[in-house]
Amino acid sequence: MLCLFVAILMLDRSLVREFWGFTERNRKRWDLLENGVRVLFYGDKGVRLAGYIKNKYESREPVTEWIKNPTGYPLCITLDLVARNLCEKVNCERFFKELNCFCF
């Protein structure tokens, strides 16, 4: 089963509503995603959120949480988050190799 790793610089306000978007540049990878795929969001302090993809869709509508570029991430997923603020000591590279993941 696929697993998706998403690098984040900070927790985006869109994650409160449990959705995330990707740019057109990531379309080939986004096309591989399907409902039920595991998602791990990581930053400088390790894995921060974990969940599953509930839905995948394309939208050109502006997103108020994406202040700098409200229409720049049209390839969207909705999430079922199962864990927030995970342990900071998680080794992301090890998880990447063991879970058959790919990164965005």
N, C-alpha and C. Protein backbone atom coordinates (compact mmCIF):
# COMPACT_ATOMS: atom_id res chain seq x y z
N MET A 1 0.84 -1.19 0.00
CA MET A 1 0.00 0.00 0.00
C MET A 1 0.88 1.24 0.00
N LEU A 2 0.49 2.22 -0.76
CA LEU A 2 1.22 3.48 -0.82
C LEU A 2 1.08 4.27 0.48
N CYS A 3 2.05 5.10 0.72
CA CYS A 3 2.00 6.05 1.82
C CYS A 3 2.55 7.36 1.27
N LEU A 4 1.96 8.45 1.66
CA LEU A 4 2.36 9.77 1.19
C LEU A 4 3.03 10.54 2.31
N PHE A 5 4.23 11.07 2.04
CA PHE A 5 4.92 11.97 2.96
C PHE A 5 4.79 13.38 2.41
N VAL A 6 4.36 14.32 3.23
CA VAL A 6 4.24 15.71 2.81
C VAL A 6 5.12 16.56 3.71
N ALA A 7 6.08 17.26 3.12
CA ALA A 7 6.95 18.15 3.88
C ALA A 7 6.23 19.48 4.09
N ILE A 8 6.21 19.94 5.33
CA ILE A 8 5.58 21.22 5.64
C ILE A 8 6.55 22.07 6.43
N LEU A 9 6.51 23.37 6.18
CA LEU A 9 7.34 24.30 6.94
C LEU A 9 6.65 24.69 8.24
N MET A 10 5.34 24.79 8.19
CA MET A 10 4.55 25.07 9.39
C MET A 10 3.16 24.49 9.17
N LEU A 11 2.45 24.25 10.22
CA LEU A 11 1.11 23.69 10.09
C LEU A 11 0.20 24.73 9.46
N ASP A 12 -0.30 24.42 8.31
CA ASP A 12 -1.15 25.31 7.56
C ASP A 12 -2.55 25.32 8.15
N ARG A 13 -3.21 26.48 8.08
CA ARG A 13 -4.57 26.58 8.62
C ARG A 13 -5.55 25.68 7.88
N SER A 14 -5.25 25.29 6.64
CA SER A 14 -6.14 24.40 5.91
C SER A 14 -6.22 23.03 6.57
N LEU A 15 -5.19 22.66 7.31
CA LEU A 15 -5.22 21.36 7.98
C LEU A 15 -6.24 21.31 9.11
N VAL A 16 -6.65 22.46 9.63
CA VAL A 16 -7.72 22.49 10.62
C VAL A 16 -9.00 21.96 9.98
N ARG A 17 -9.19 22.29 8.71
CA ARG A 17 -10.36 21.79 7.96
C ARG A 17 -10.07 20.43 7.32
N GLU A 18 -8.90 19.89 7.57
CA GLU A 18 -8.47 18.56 7.12
C GLU A 18 -8.44 18.42 5.60
N PHE A 19 -7.82 19.39 4.94
CA PHE A 19 -7.57 19.24 3.51
C PHE A 19 -6.21 19.82 3.15
N TRP A 20 -5.70 19.43 2.00
CA TRP A 20 -4.39 19.85 1.54
C TRP A 20 -4.43 19.95 0.03
N GLY A 21 -3.59 20.81 -0.55
CA GLY A 21 -3.54 20.97 -1.99
C GLY A 21 -2.13 20.89 -2.53
N PHE A 22 -2.02 20.51 -3.80
CA PHE A 22 -0.74 20.37 -4.48
C PHE A 22 -0.78 21.17 -5.79
N THR A 23 0.39 21.55 -6.27
CA THR A 23 0.49 22.30 -7.52
C THR A 23 0.41 21.35 -8.71
N GLU A 24 0.20 21.93 -9.89
CA GLU A 24 0.17 21.14 -11.13
C GLU A 24 1.46 20.35 -11.34
N ARG A 25 2.55 20.87 -10.86
CA ARG A 25 3.84 20.21 -11.00
C ARG A 25 3.83 18.81 -10.39
N ASN A 26 2.93 18.57 -9.44
CA ASN A 26 2.85 17.28 -8.75
C ASN A 26 1.75 16.37 -9.28
N ARG A 27 1.21 16.68 -10.46
CA ARG A 27 0.07 15.93 -10.98
C ARG A 27 0.34 14.43 -11.12
N LYS A 28 1.49 14.01 -11.63
CA LYS A 28 1.76 12.58 -11.82
C LYS A 28 1.69 11.83 -10.49
N ARG A 29 2.27 12.39 -9.46
CA ARG A 29 2.20 11.75 -8.14
C ARG A 29 0.79 11.79 -7.59
N TRP A 30 0.13 12.92 -7.74
CA TRP A 30 -1.25 13.07 -7.25
C TRP A 30 -2.16 12.05 -7.91
N ASP A 31 -1.96 11.79 -9.20
CA ASP A 31 -2.77 10.81 -9.93
C ASP A 31 -2.66 9.41 -9.31
N LEU A 32 -1.55 9.10 -8.66
CA LEU A 32 -1.37 7.79 -8.04
C LEU A 32 -2.13 7.63 -6.72
N LEU A 33 -2.53 8.75 -6.13
CA LEU A 33 -3.19 8.70 -4.83
C LEU A 33 -4.62 8.21 -4.96
N GLU A 34 -5.09 7.54 -3.92
CA GLU A 34 -6.48 7.07 -3.87
C GLU A 34 -6.95 7.07 -2.43
N ASN A 35 -8.24 6.93 -2.25
CA ASN A 35 -8.80 6.91 -0.90
C ASN A 35 -8.14 5.80 -0.08
N GLY A 36 -7.88 6.11 1.18
CA GLY A 36 -7.28 5.13 2.08
C GLY A 36 -5.77 5.18 2.16
N VAL A 37 -5.11 5.93 1.29
CA VAL A 37 -3.65 6.03 1.34
C VAL A 37 -3.25 6.75 2.62
N ARG A 38 -2.23 6.19 3.30
CA ARG A 38 -1.72 6.82 4.53
C ARG A 38 -0.98 8.10 4.19
N VAL A 39 -1.13 9.11 5.04
CA VAL A 39 -0.47 10.40 4.84
C VAL A 39 0.26 10.78 6.12
N LEU A 40 1.53 11.14 5.99
CA LEU A 40 2.33 11.64 7.11
C LEU A 40 2.83 13.02 6.74
N PHE A 41 2.54 14.01 7.58
CA PHE A 41 3.03 15.37 7.39
C PHE A 41 4.22 15.56 8.32
N TYR A 42 5.36 15.97 7.75
CA TYR A 42 6.54 16.14 8.57
C TYR A 42 7.16 17.51 8.34
N GLY A 43 7.87 17.97 9.37
CA GLY A 43 8.58 19.24 9.31
C GLY A 43 9.93 19.10 9.95
N ASP A 44 10.49 20.20 10.41
CA ASP A 44 11.84 20.18 10.96
C ASP A 44 11.93 19.41 12.27
N LYS A 45 10.84 19.14 12.92
CA LYS A 45 10.87 18.44 14.20
C LYS A 45 10.25 17.05 14.12
N GLY A 46 10.15 16.49 12.93
CA GLY A 46 9.65 15.14 12.78
C GLY A 46 8.23 15.10 12.25
N VAL A 47 7.61 13.93 12.34
CA VAL A 47 6.25 13.73 11.85
C VAL A 47 5.29 14.47 12.76
N ARG A 48 4.44 15.33 12.18
CA ARG A 48 3.55 16.19 12.97
C ARG A 48 2.10 15.73 12.94
N LEU A 49 1.66 15.15 11.80
CA LEU A 49 0.27 14.71 11.64
C LEU A 49 0.27 13.39 10.87
N ALA A 50 -0.74 12.57 11.14
CA ALA A 50 -0.91 11.32 10.40
C ALA A 50 -2.38 11.09 10.13
N GLY A 51 -2.67 10.49 9.01
CA GLY A 51 -4.06 10.20 8.68
C GLY A 51 -4.17 9.44 7.38
N TYR A 52 -5.36 9.48 6.80
CA TYR A 52 -5.67 8.78 5.56
C TYR A 52 -6.38 9.73 4.60
N ILE A 53 -6.24 9.48 3.31
CA ILE A 53 -6.96 10.26 2.32
C ILE A 53 -8.42 9.79 2.30
N LYS A 54 -9.34 10.75 2.47
CA LYS A 54 -10.77 10.46 2.37
C LYS A 54 -11.27 10.67 0.96
N ASN A 55 -10.75 11.69 0.29
CA ASN A 55 -11.25 12.05 -1.03
C ASN A 55 -10.17 12.81 -1.78
N LYS A 56 -10.24 12.77 -3.08
CA LYS A 56 -9.30 13.49 -3.94
C LYS A 56 -10.12 14.18 -5.01
N TYR A 57 -9.81 15.46 -5.27
CA TYR A 57 -10.57 16.22 -6.25
C TYR A 57 -9.74 17.37 -6.77
N GLU A 58 -10.18 17.93 -7.89
CA GLU A 58 -9.50 19.08 -8.48
C GLU A 58 -10.41 20.29 -8.36
N SER A 59 -9.84 21.41 -7.93
CA SER A 59 -10.64 22.62 -7.74
C SER A 59 -9.81 23.86 -8.05
N ARG A 60 -10.41 24.77 -8.78
CA ARG A 60 -9.76 26.06 -9.09
C ARG A 60 -10.35 27.19 -8.23
N GLU A 61 -11.20 26.84 -7.29
CA GLU A 61 -11.81 27.84 -6.40
C GLU A 61 -10.76 28.35 -5.41
N PRO A 62 -10.79 29.64 -5.06
CA PRO A 62 -9.84 30.18 -4.08
C PRO A 62 -10.07 29.56 -2.70
N VAL A 63 -8.97 29.35 -1.99
CA VAL A 63 -9.02 28.83 -0.62
C VAL A 63 -8.54 29.94 0.31
N THR A 64 -9.38 30.34 1.24
CA THR A 64 -9.06 31.49 2.10
C THR A 64 -7.83 31.26 2.96
N GLU A 65 -7.55 30.02 3.35
CA GLU A 65 -6.38 29.73 4.19
C GLU A 65 -5.06 29.89 3.42
N TRP A 66 -5.08 29.80 2.10
CA TRP A 66 -3.87 29.92 1.30
C TRP A 66 -3.72 31.36 0.87
N ILE A 67 -3.24 32.19 1.78
CA ILE A 67 -3.19 33.64 1.61
C ILE A 67 -2.30 34.07 0.44
N LYS A 68 -1.11 33.50 0.32
CA LYS A 68 -0.18 33.94 -0.72
C LYS A 68 -0.61 33.53 -2.12
N ASN A 69 -1.30 32.41 -2.25
CA ASN A 69 -1.70 31.92 -3.57
C ASN A 69 -2.98 31.10 -3.43
N PRO A 70 -4.14 31.75 -3.30
CA PRO A 70 -5.39 31.06 -3.00
C PRO A 70 -5.88 30.08 -4.06
N THR A 71 -5.37 30.16 -5.29
CA THR A 71 -5.79 29.22 -6.33
C THR A 71 -4.62 28.40 -6.86
N GLY A 72 -3.49 28.45 -6.20
CA GLY A 72 -2.27 27.82 -6.70
C GLY A 72 -2.11 26.35 -6.41
N TYR A 73 -3.08 25.74 -5.71
CA TYR A 73 -2.95 24.33 -5.34
C TYR A 73 -4.23 23.58 -5.72
N PRO A 74 -4.46 23.38 -7.02
CA PRO A 74 -5.75 22.85 -7.47
C PRO A 74 -5.94 21.35 -7.26
N LEU A 75 -4.88 20.61 -7.00
CA LEU A 75 -4.98 19.16 -6.82
C LEU A 75 -5.15 18.89 -5.33
N CYS A 76 -6.37 18.62 -4.91
CA CYS A 76 -6.71 18.60 -3.50
C CYS A 76 -6.99 17.20 -2.97
N ILE A 77 -6.76 17.05 -1.67
CA ILE A 77 -7.17 15.84 -0.95
C ILE A 77 -7.84 16.28 0.35
N THR A 78 -8.84 15.52 0.77
CA THR A 78 -9.40 15.71 2.11
C THR A 78 -8.86 14.57 2.96
N LEU A 79 -8.73 14.85 4.25
CA LEU A 79 -8.03 13.93 5.14
C LEU A 79 -8.90 13.47 6.30
N ASP A 80 -8.60 12.29 6.76
CA ASP A 80 -9.12 11.78 8.02
C ASP A 80 -7.91 11.69 8.94
N LEU A 81 -7.67 12.75 9.71
CA LEU A 81 -6.49 12.77 10.58
C LEU A 81 -6.73 11.89 11.80
N VAL A 82 -5.76 11.04 12.07
CA VAL A 82 -5.87 10.12 13.21
C VAL A 82 -4.90 10.47 14.33
N ALA A 83 -3.91 11.31 14.03
CA ALA A 83 -2.96 11.71 15.06
C ALA A 83 -2.44 13.11 14.75
N ARG A 84 -2.36 13.93 15.78
CA ARG A 84 -1.79 15.28 15.67
C ARG A 84 -0.65 15.41 16.67
N ASN A 85 0.34 16.23 16.31
CA ASN A 85 1.48 16.49 17.20
C ASN A 85 2.17 15.21 17.64
N LEU A 86 2.59 14.42 16.66
CA LEU A 86 3.28 13.17 16.95
C LEU A 86 4.65 13.44 17.57
N CYS A 87 5.23 12.42 18.13
CA CYS A 87 6.54 12.50 18.79
C CYS A 87 7.57 13.15 17.87
N GLU A 88 8.33 14.05 18.41
CA GLU A 88 9.32 14.78 17.62
C GLU A 88 10.52 13.92 17.24
N LYS A 89 10.70 12.77 17.86
CA LYS A 89 11.89 11.97 17.63
C LYS A 89 11.70 10.93 16.53
N VAL A 90 10.64 10.99 15.78
CA VAL A 90 10.41 10.03 14.70
C VAL A 90 11.44 10.27 13.60
N ASN A 91 12.07 9.22 13.14
CA ASN A 91 13.05 9.31 12.07
C ASN A 91 12.32 9.21 10.73
N CYS A 92 12.14 10.34 10.03
CA CYS A 92 11.36 10.37 8.79
C CYS A 92 11.97 9.50 7.69
N GLU A 93 13.29 9.48 7.59
CA GLU A 93 13.91 8.67 6.54
C GLU A 93 13.62 7.20 6.73
N ARG A 94 13.65 6.71 7.97
CA ARG A 94 13.34 5.31 8.24
C ARG A 94 11.91 4.99 7.86
N PHE A 95 10.96 5.86 8.22
CA PHE A 95 9.56 5.65 7.86
C PHE A 95 9.39 5.65 6.35
N PHE A 96 10.09 6.54 5.67
CA PHE A 96 10.00 6.62 4.22
C PHE A 96 10.37 5.28 3.59
N LYS A 97 11.44 4.67 4.04
CA LYS A 97 11.90 3.40 3.47
C LYS A 97 10.99 2.24 3.87
N GLU A 98 10.56 2.19 5.10
CA GLU A 98 9.78 1.06 5.60
C GLU A 98 8.34 1.05 5.12
N LEU A 99 7.76 2.21 4.84
CA LEU A 99 6.34 2.29 4.50
C LEU A 99 6.06 2.38 3.01
N ASN A 100 7.08 2.22 2.16
CA ASN A 100 6.89 2.32 0.72
C ASN A 100 6.24 3.65 0.35
N CYS A 101 6.79 4.75 0.87
CA CYS A 101 6.22 6.08 0.68
C CYS A 101 6.89 6.82 -0.47
N PHE A 102 6.24 7.86 -0.92
CA PHE A 102 6.90 8.83 -1.78
C PHE A 102 6.57 10.22 -1.26
N CYS A 103 7.44 11.16 -1.57
CA CYS A 103 7.34 12.50 -1.01
C CYS A 103 6.79 13.50 -2.02
N PHE A 104 6.12 14.52 -1.51
CA PHE A 104 5.70 15.68 -2.28
C PHE A 104 6.53 16.83 -1.82
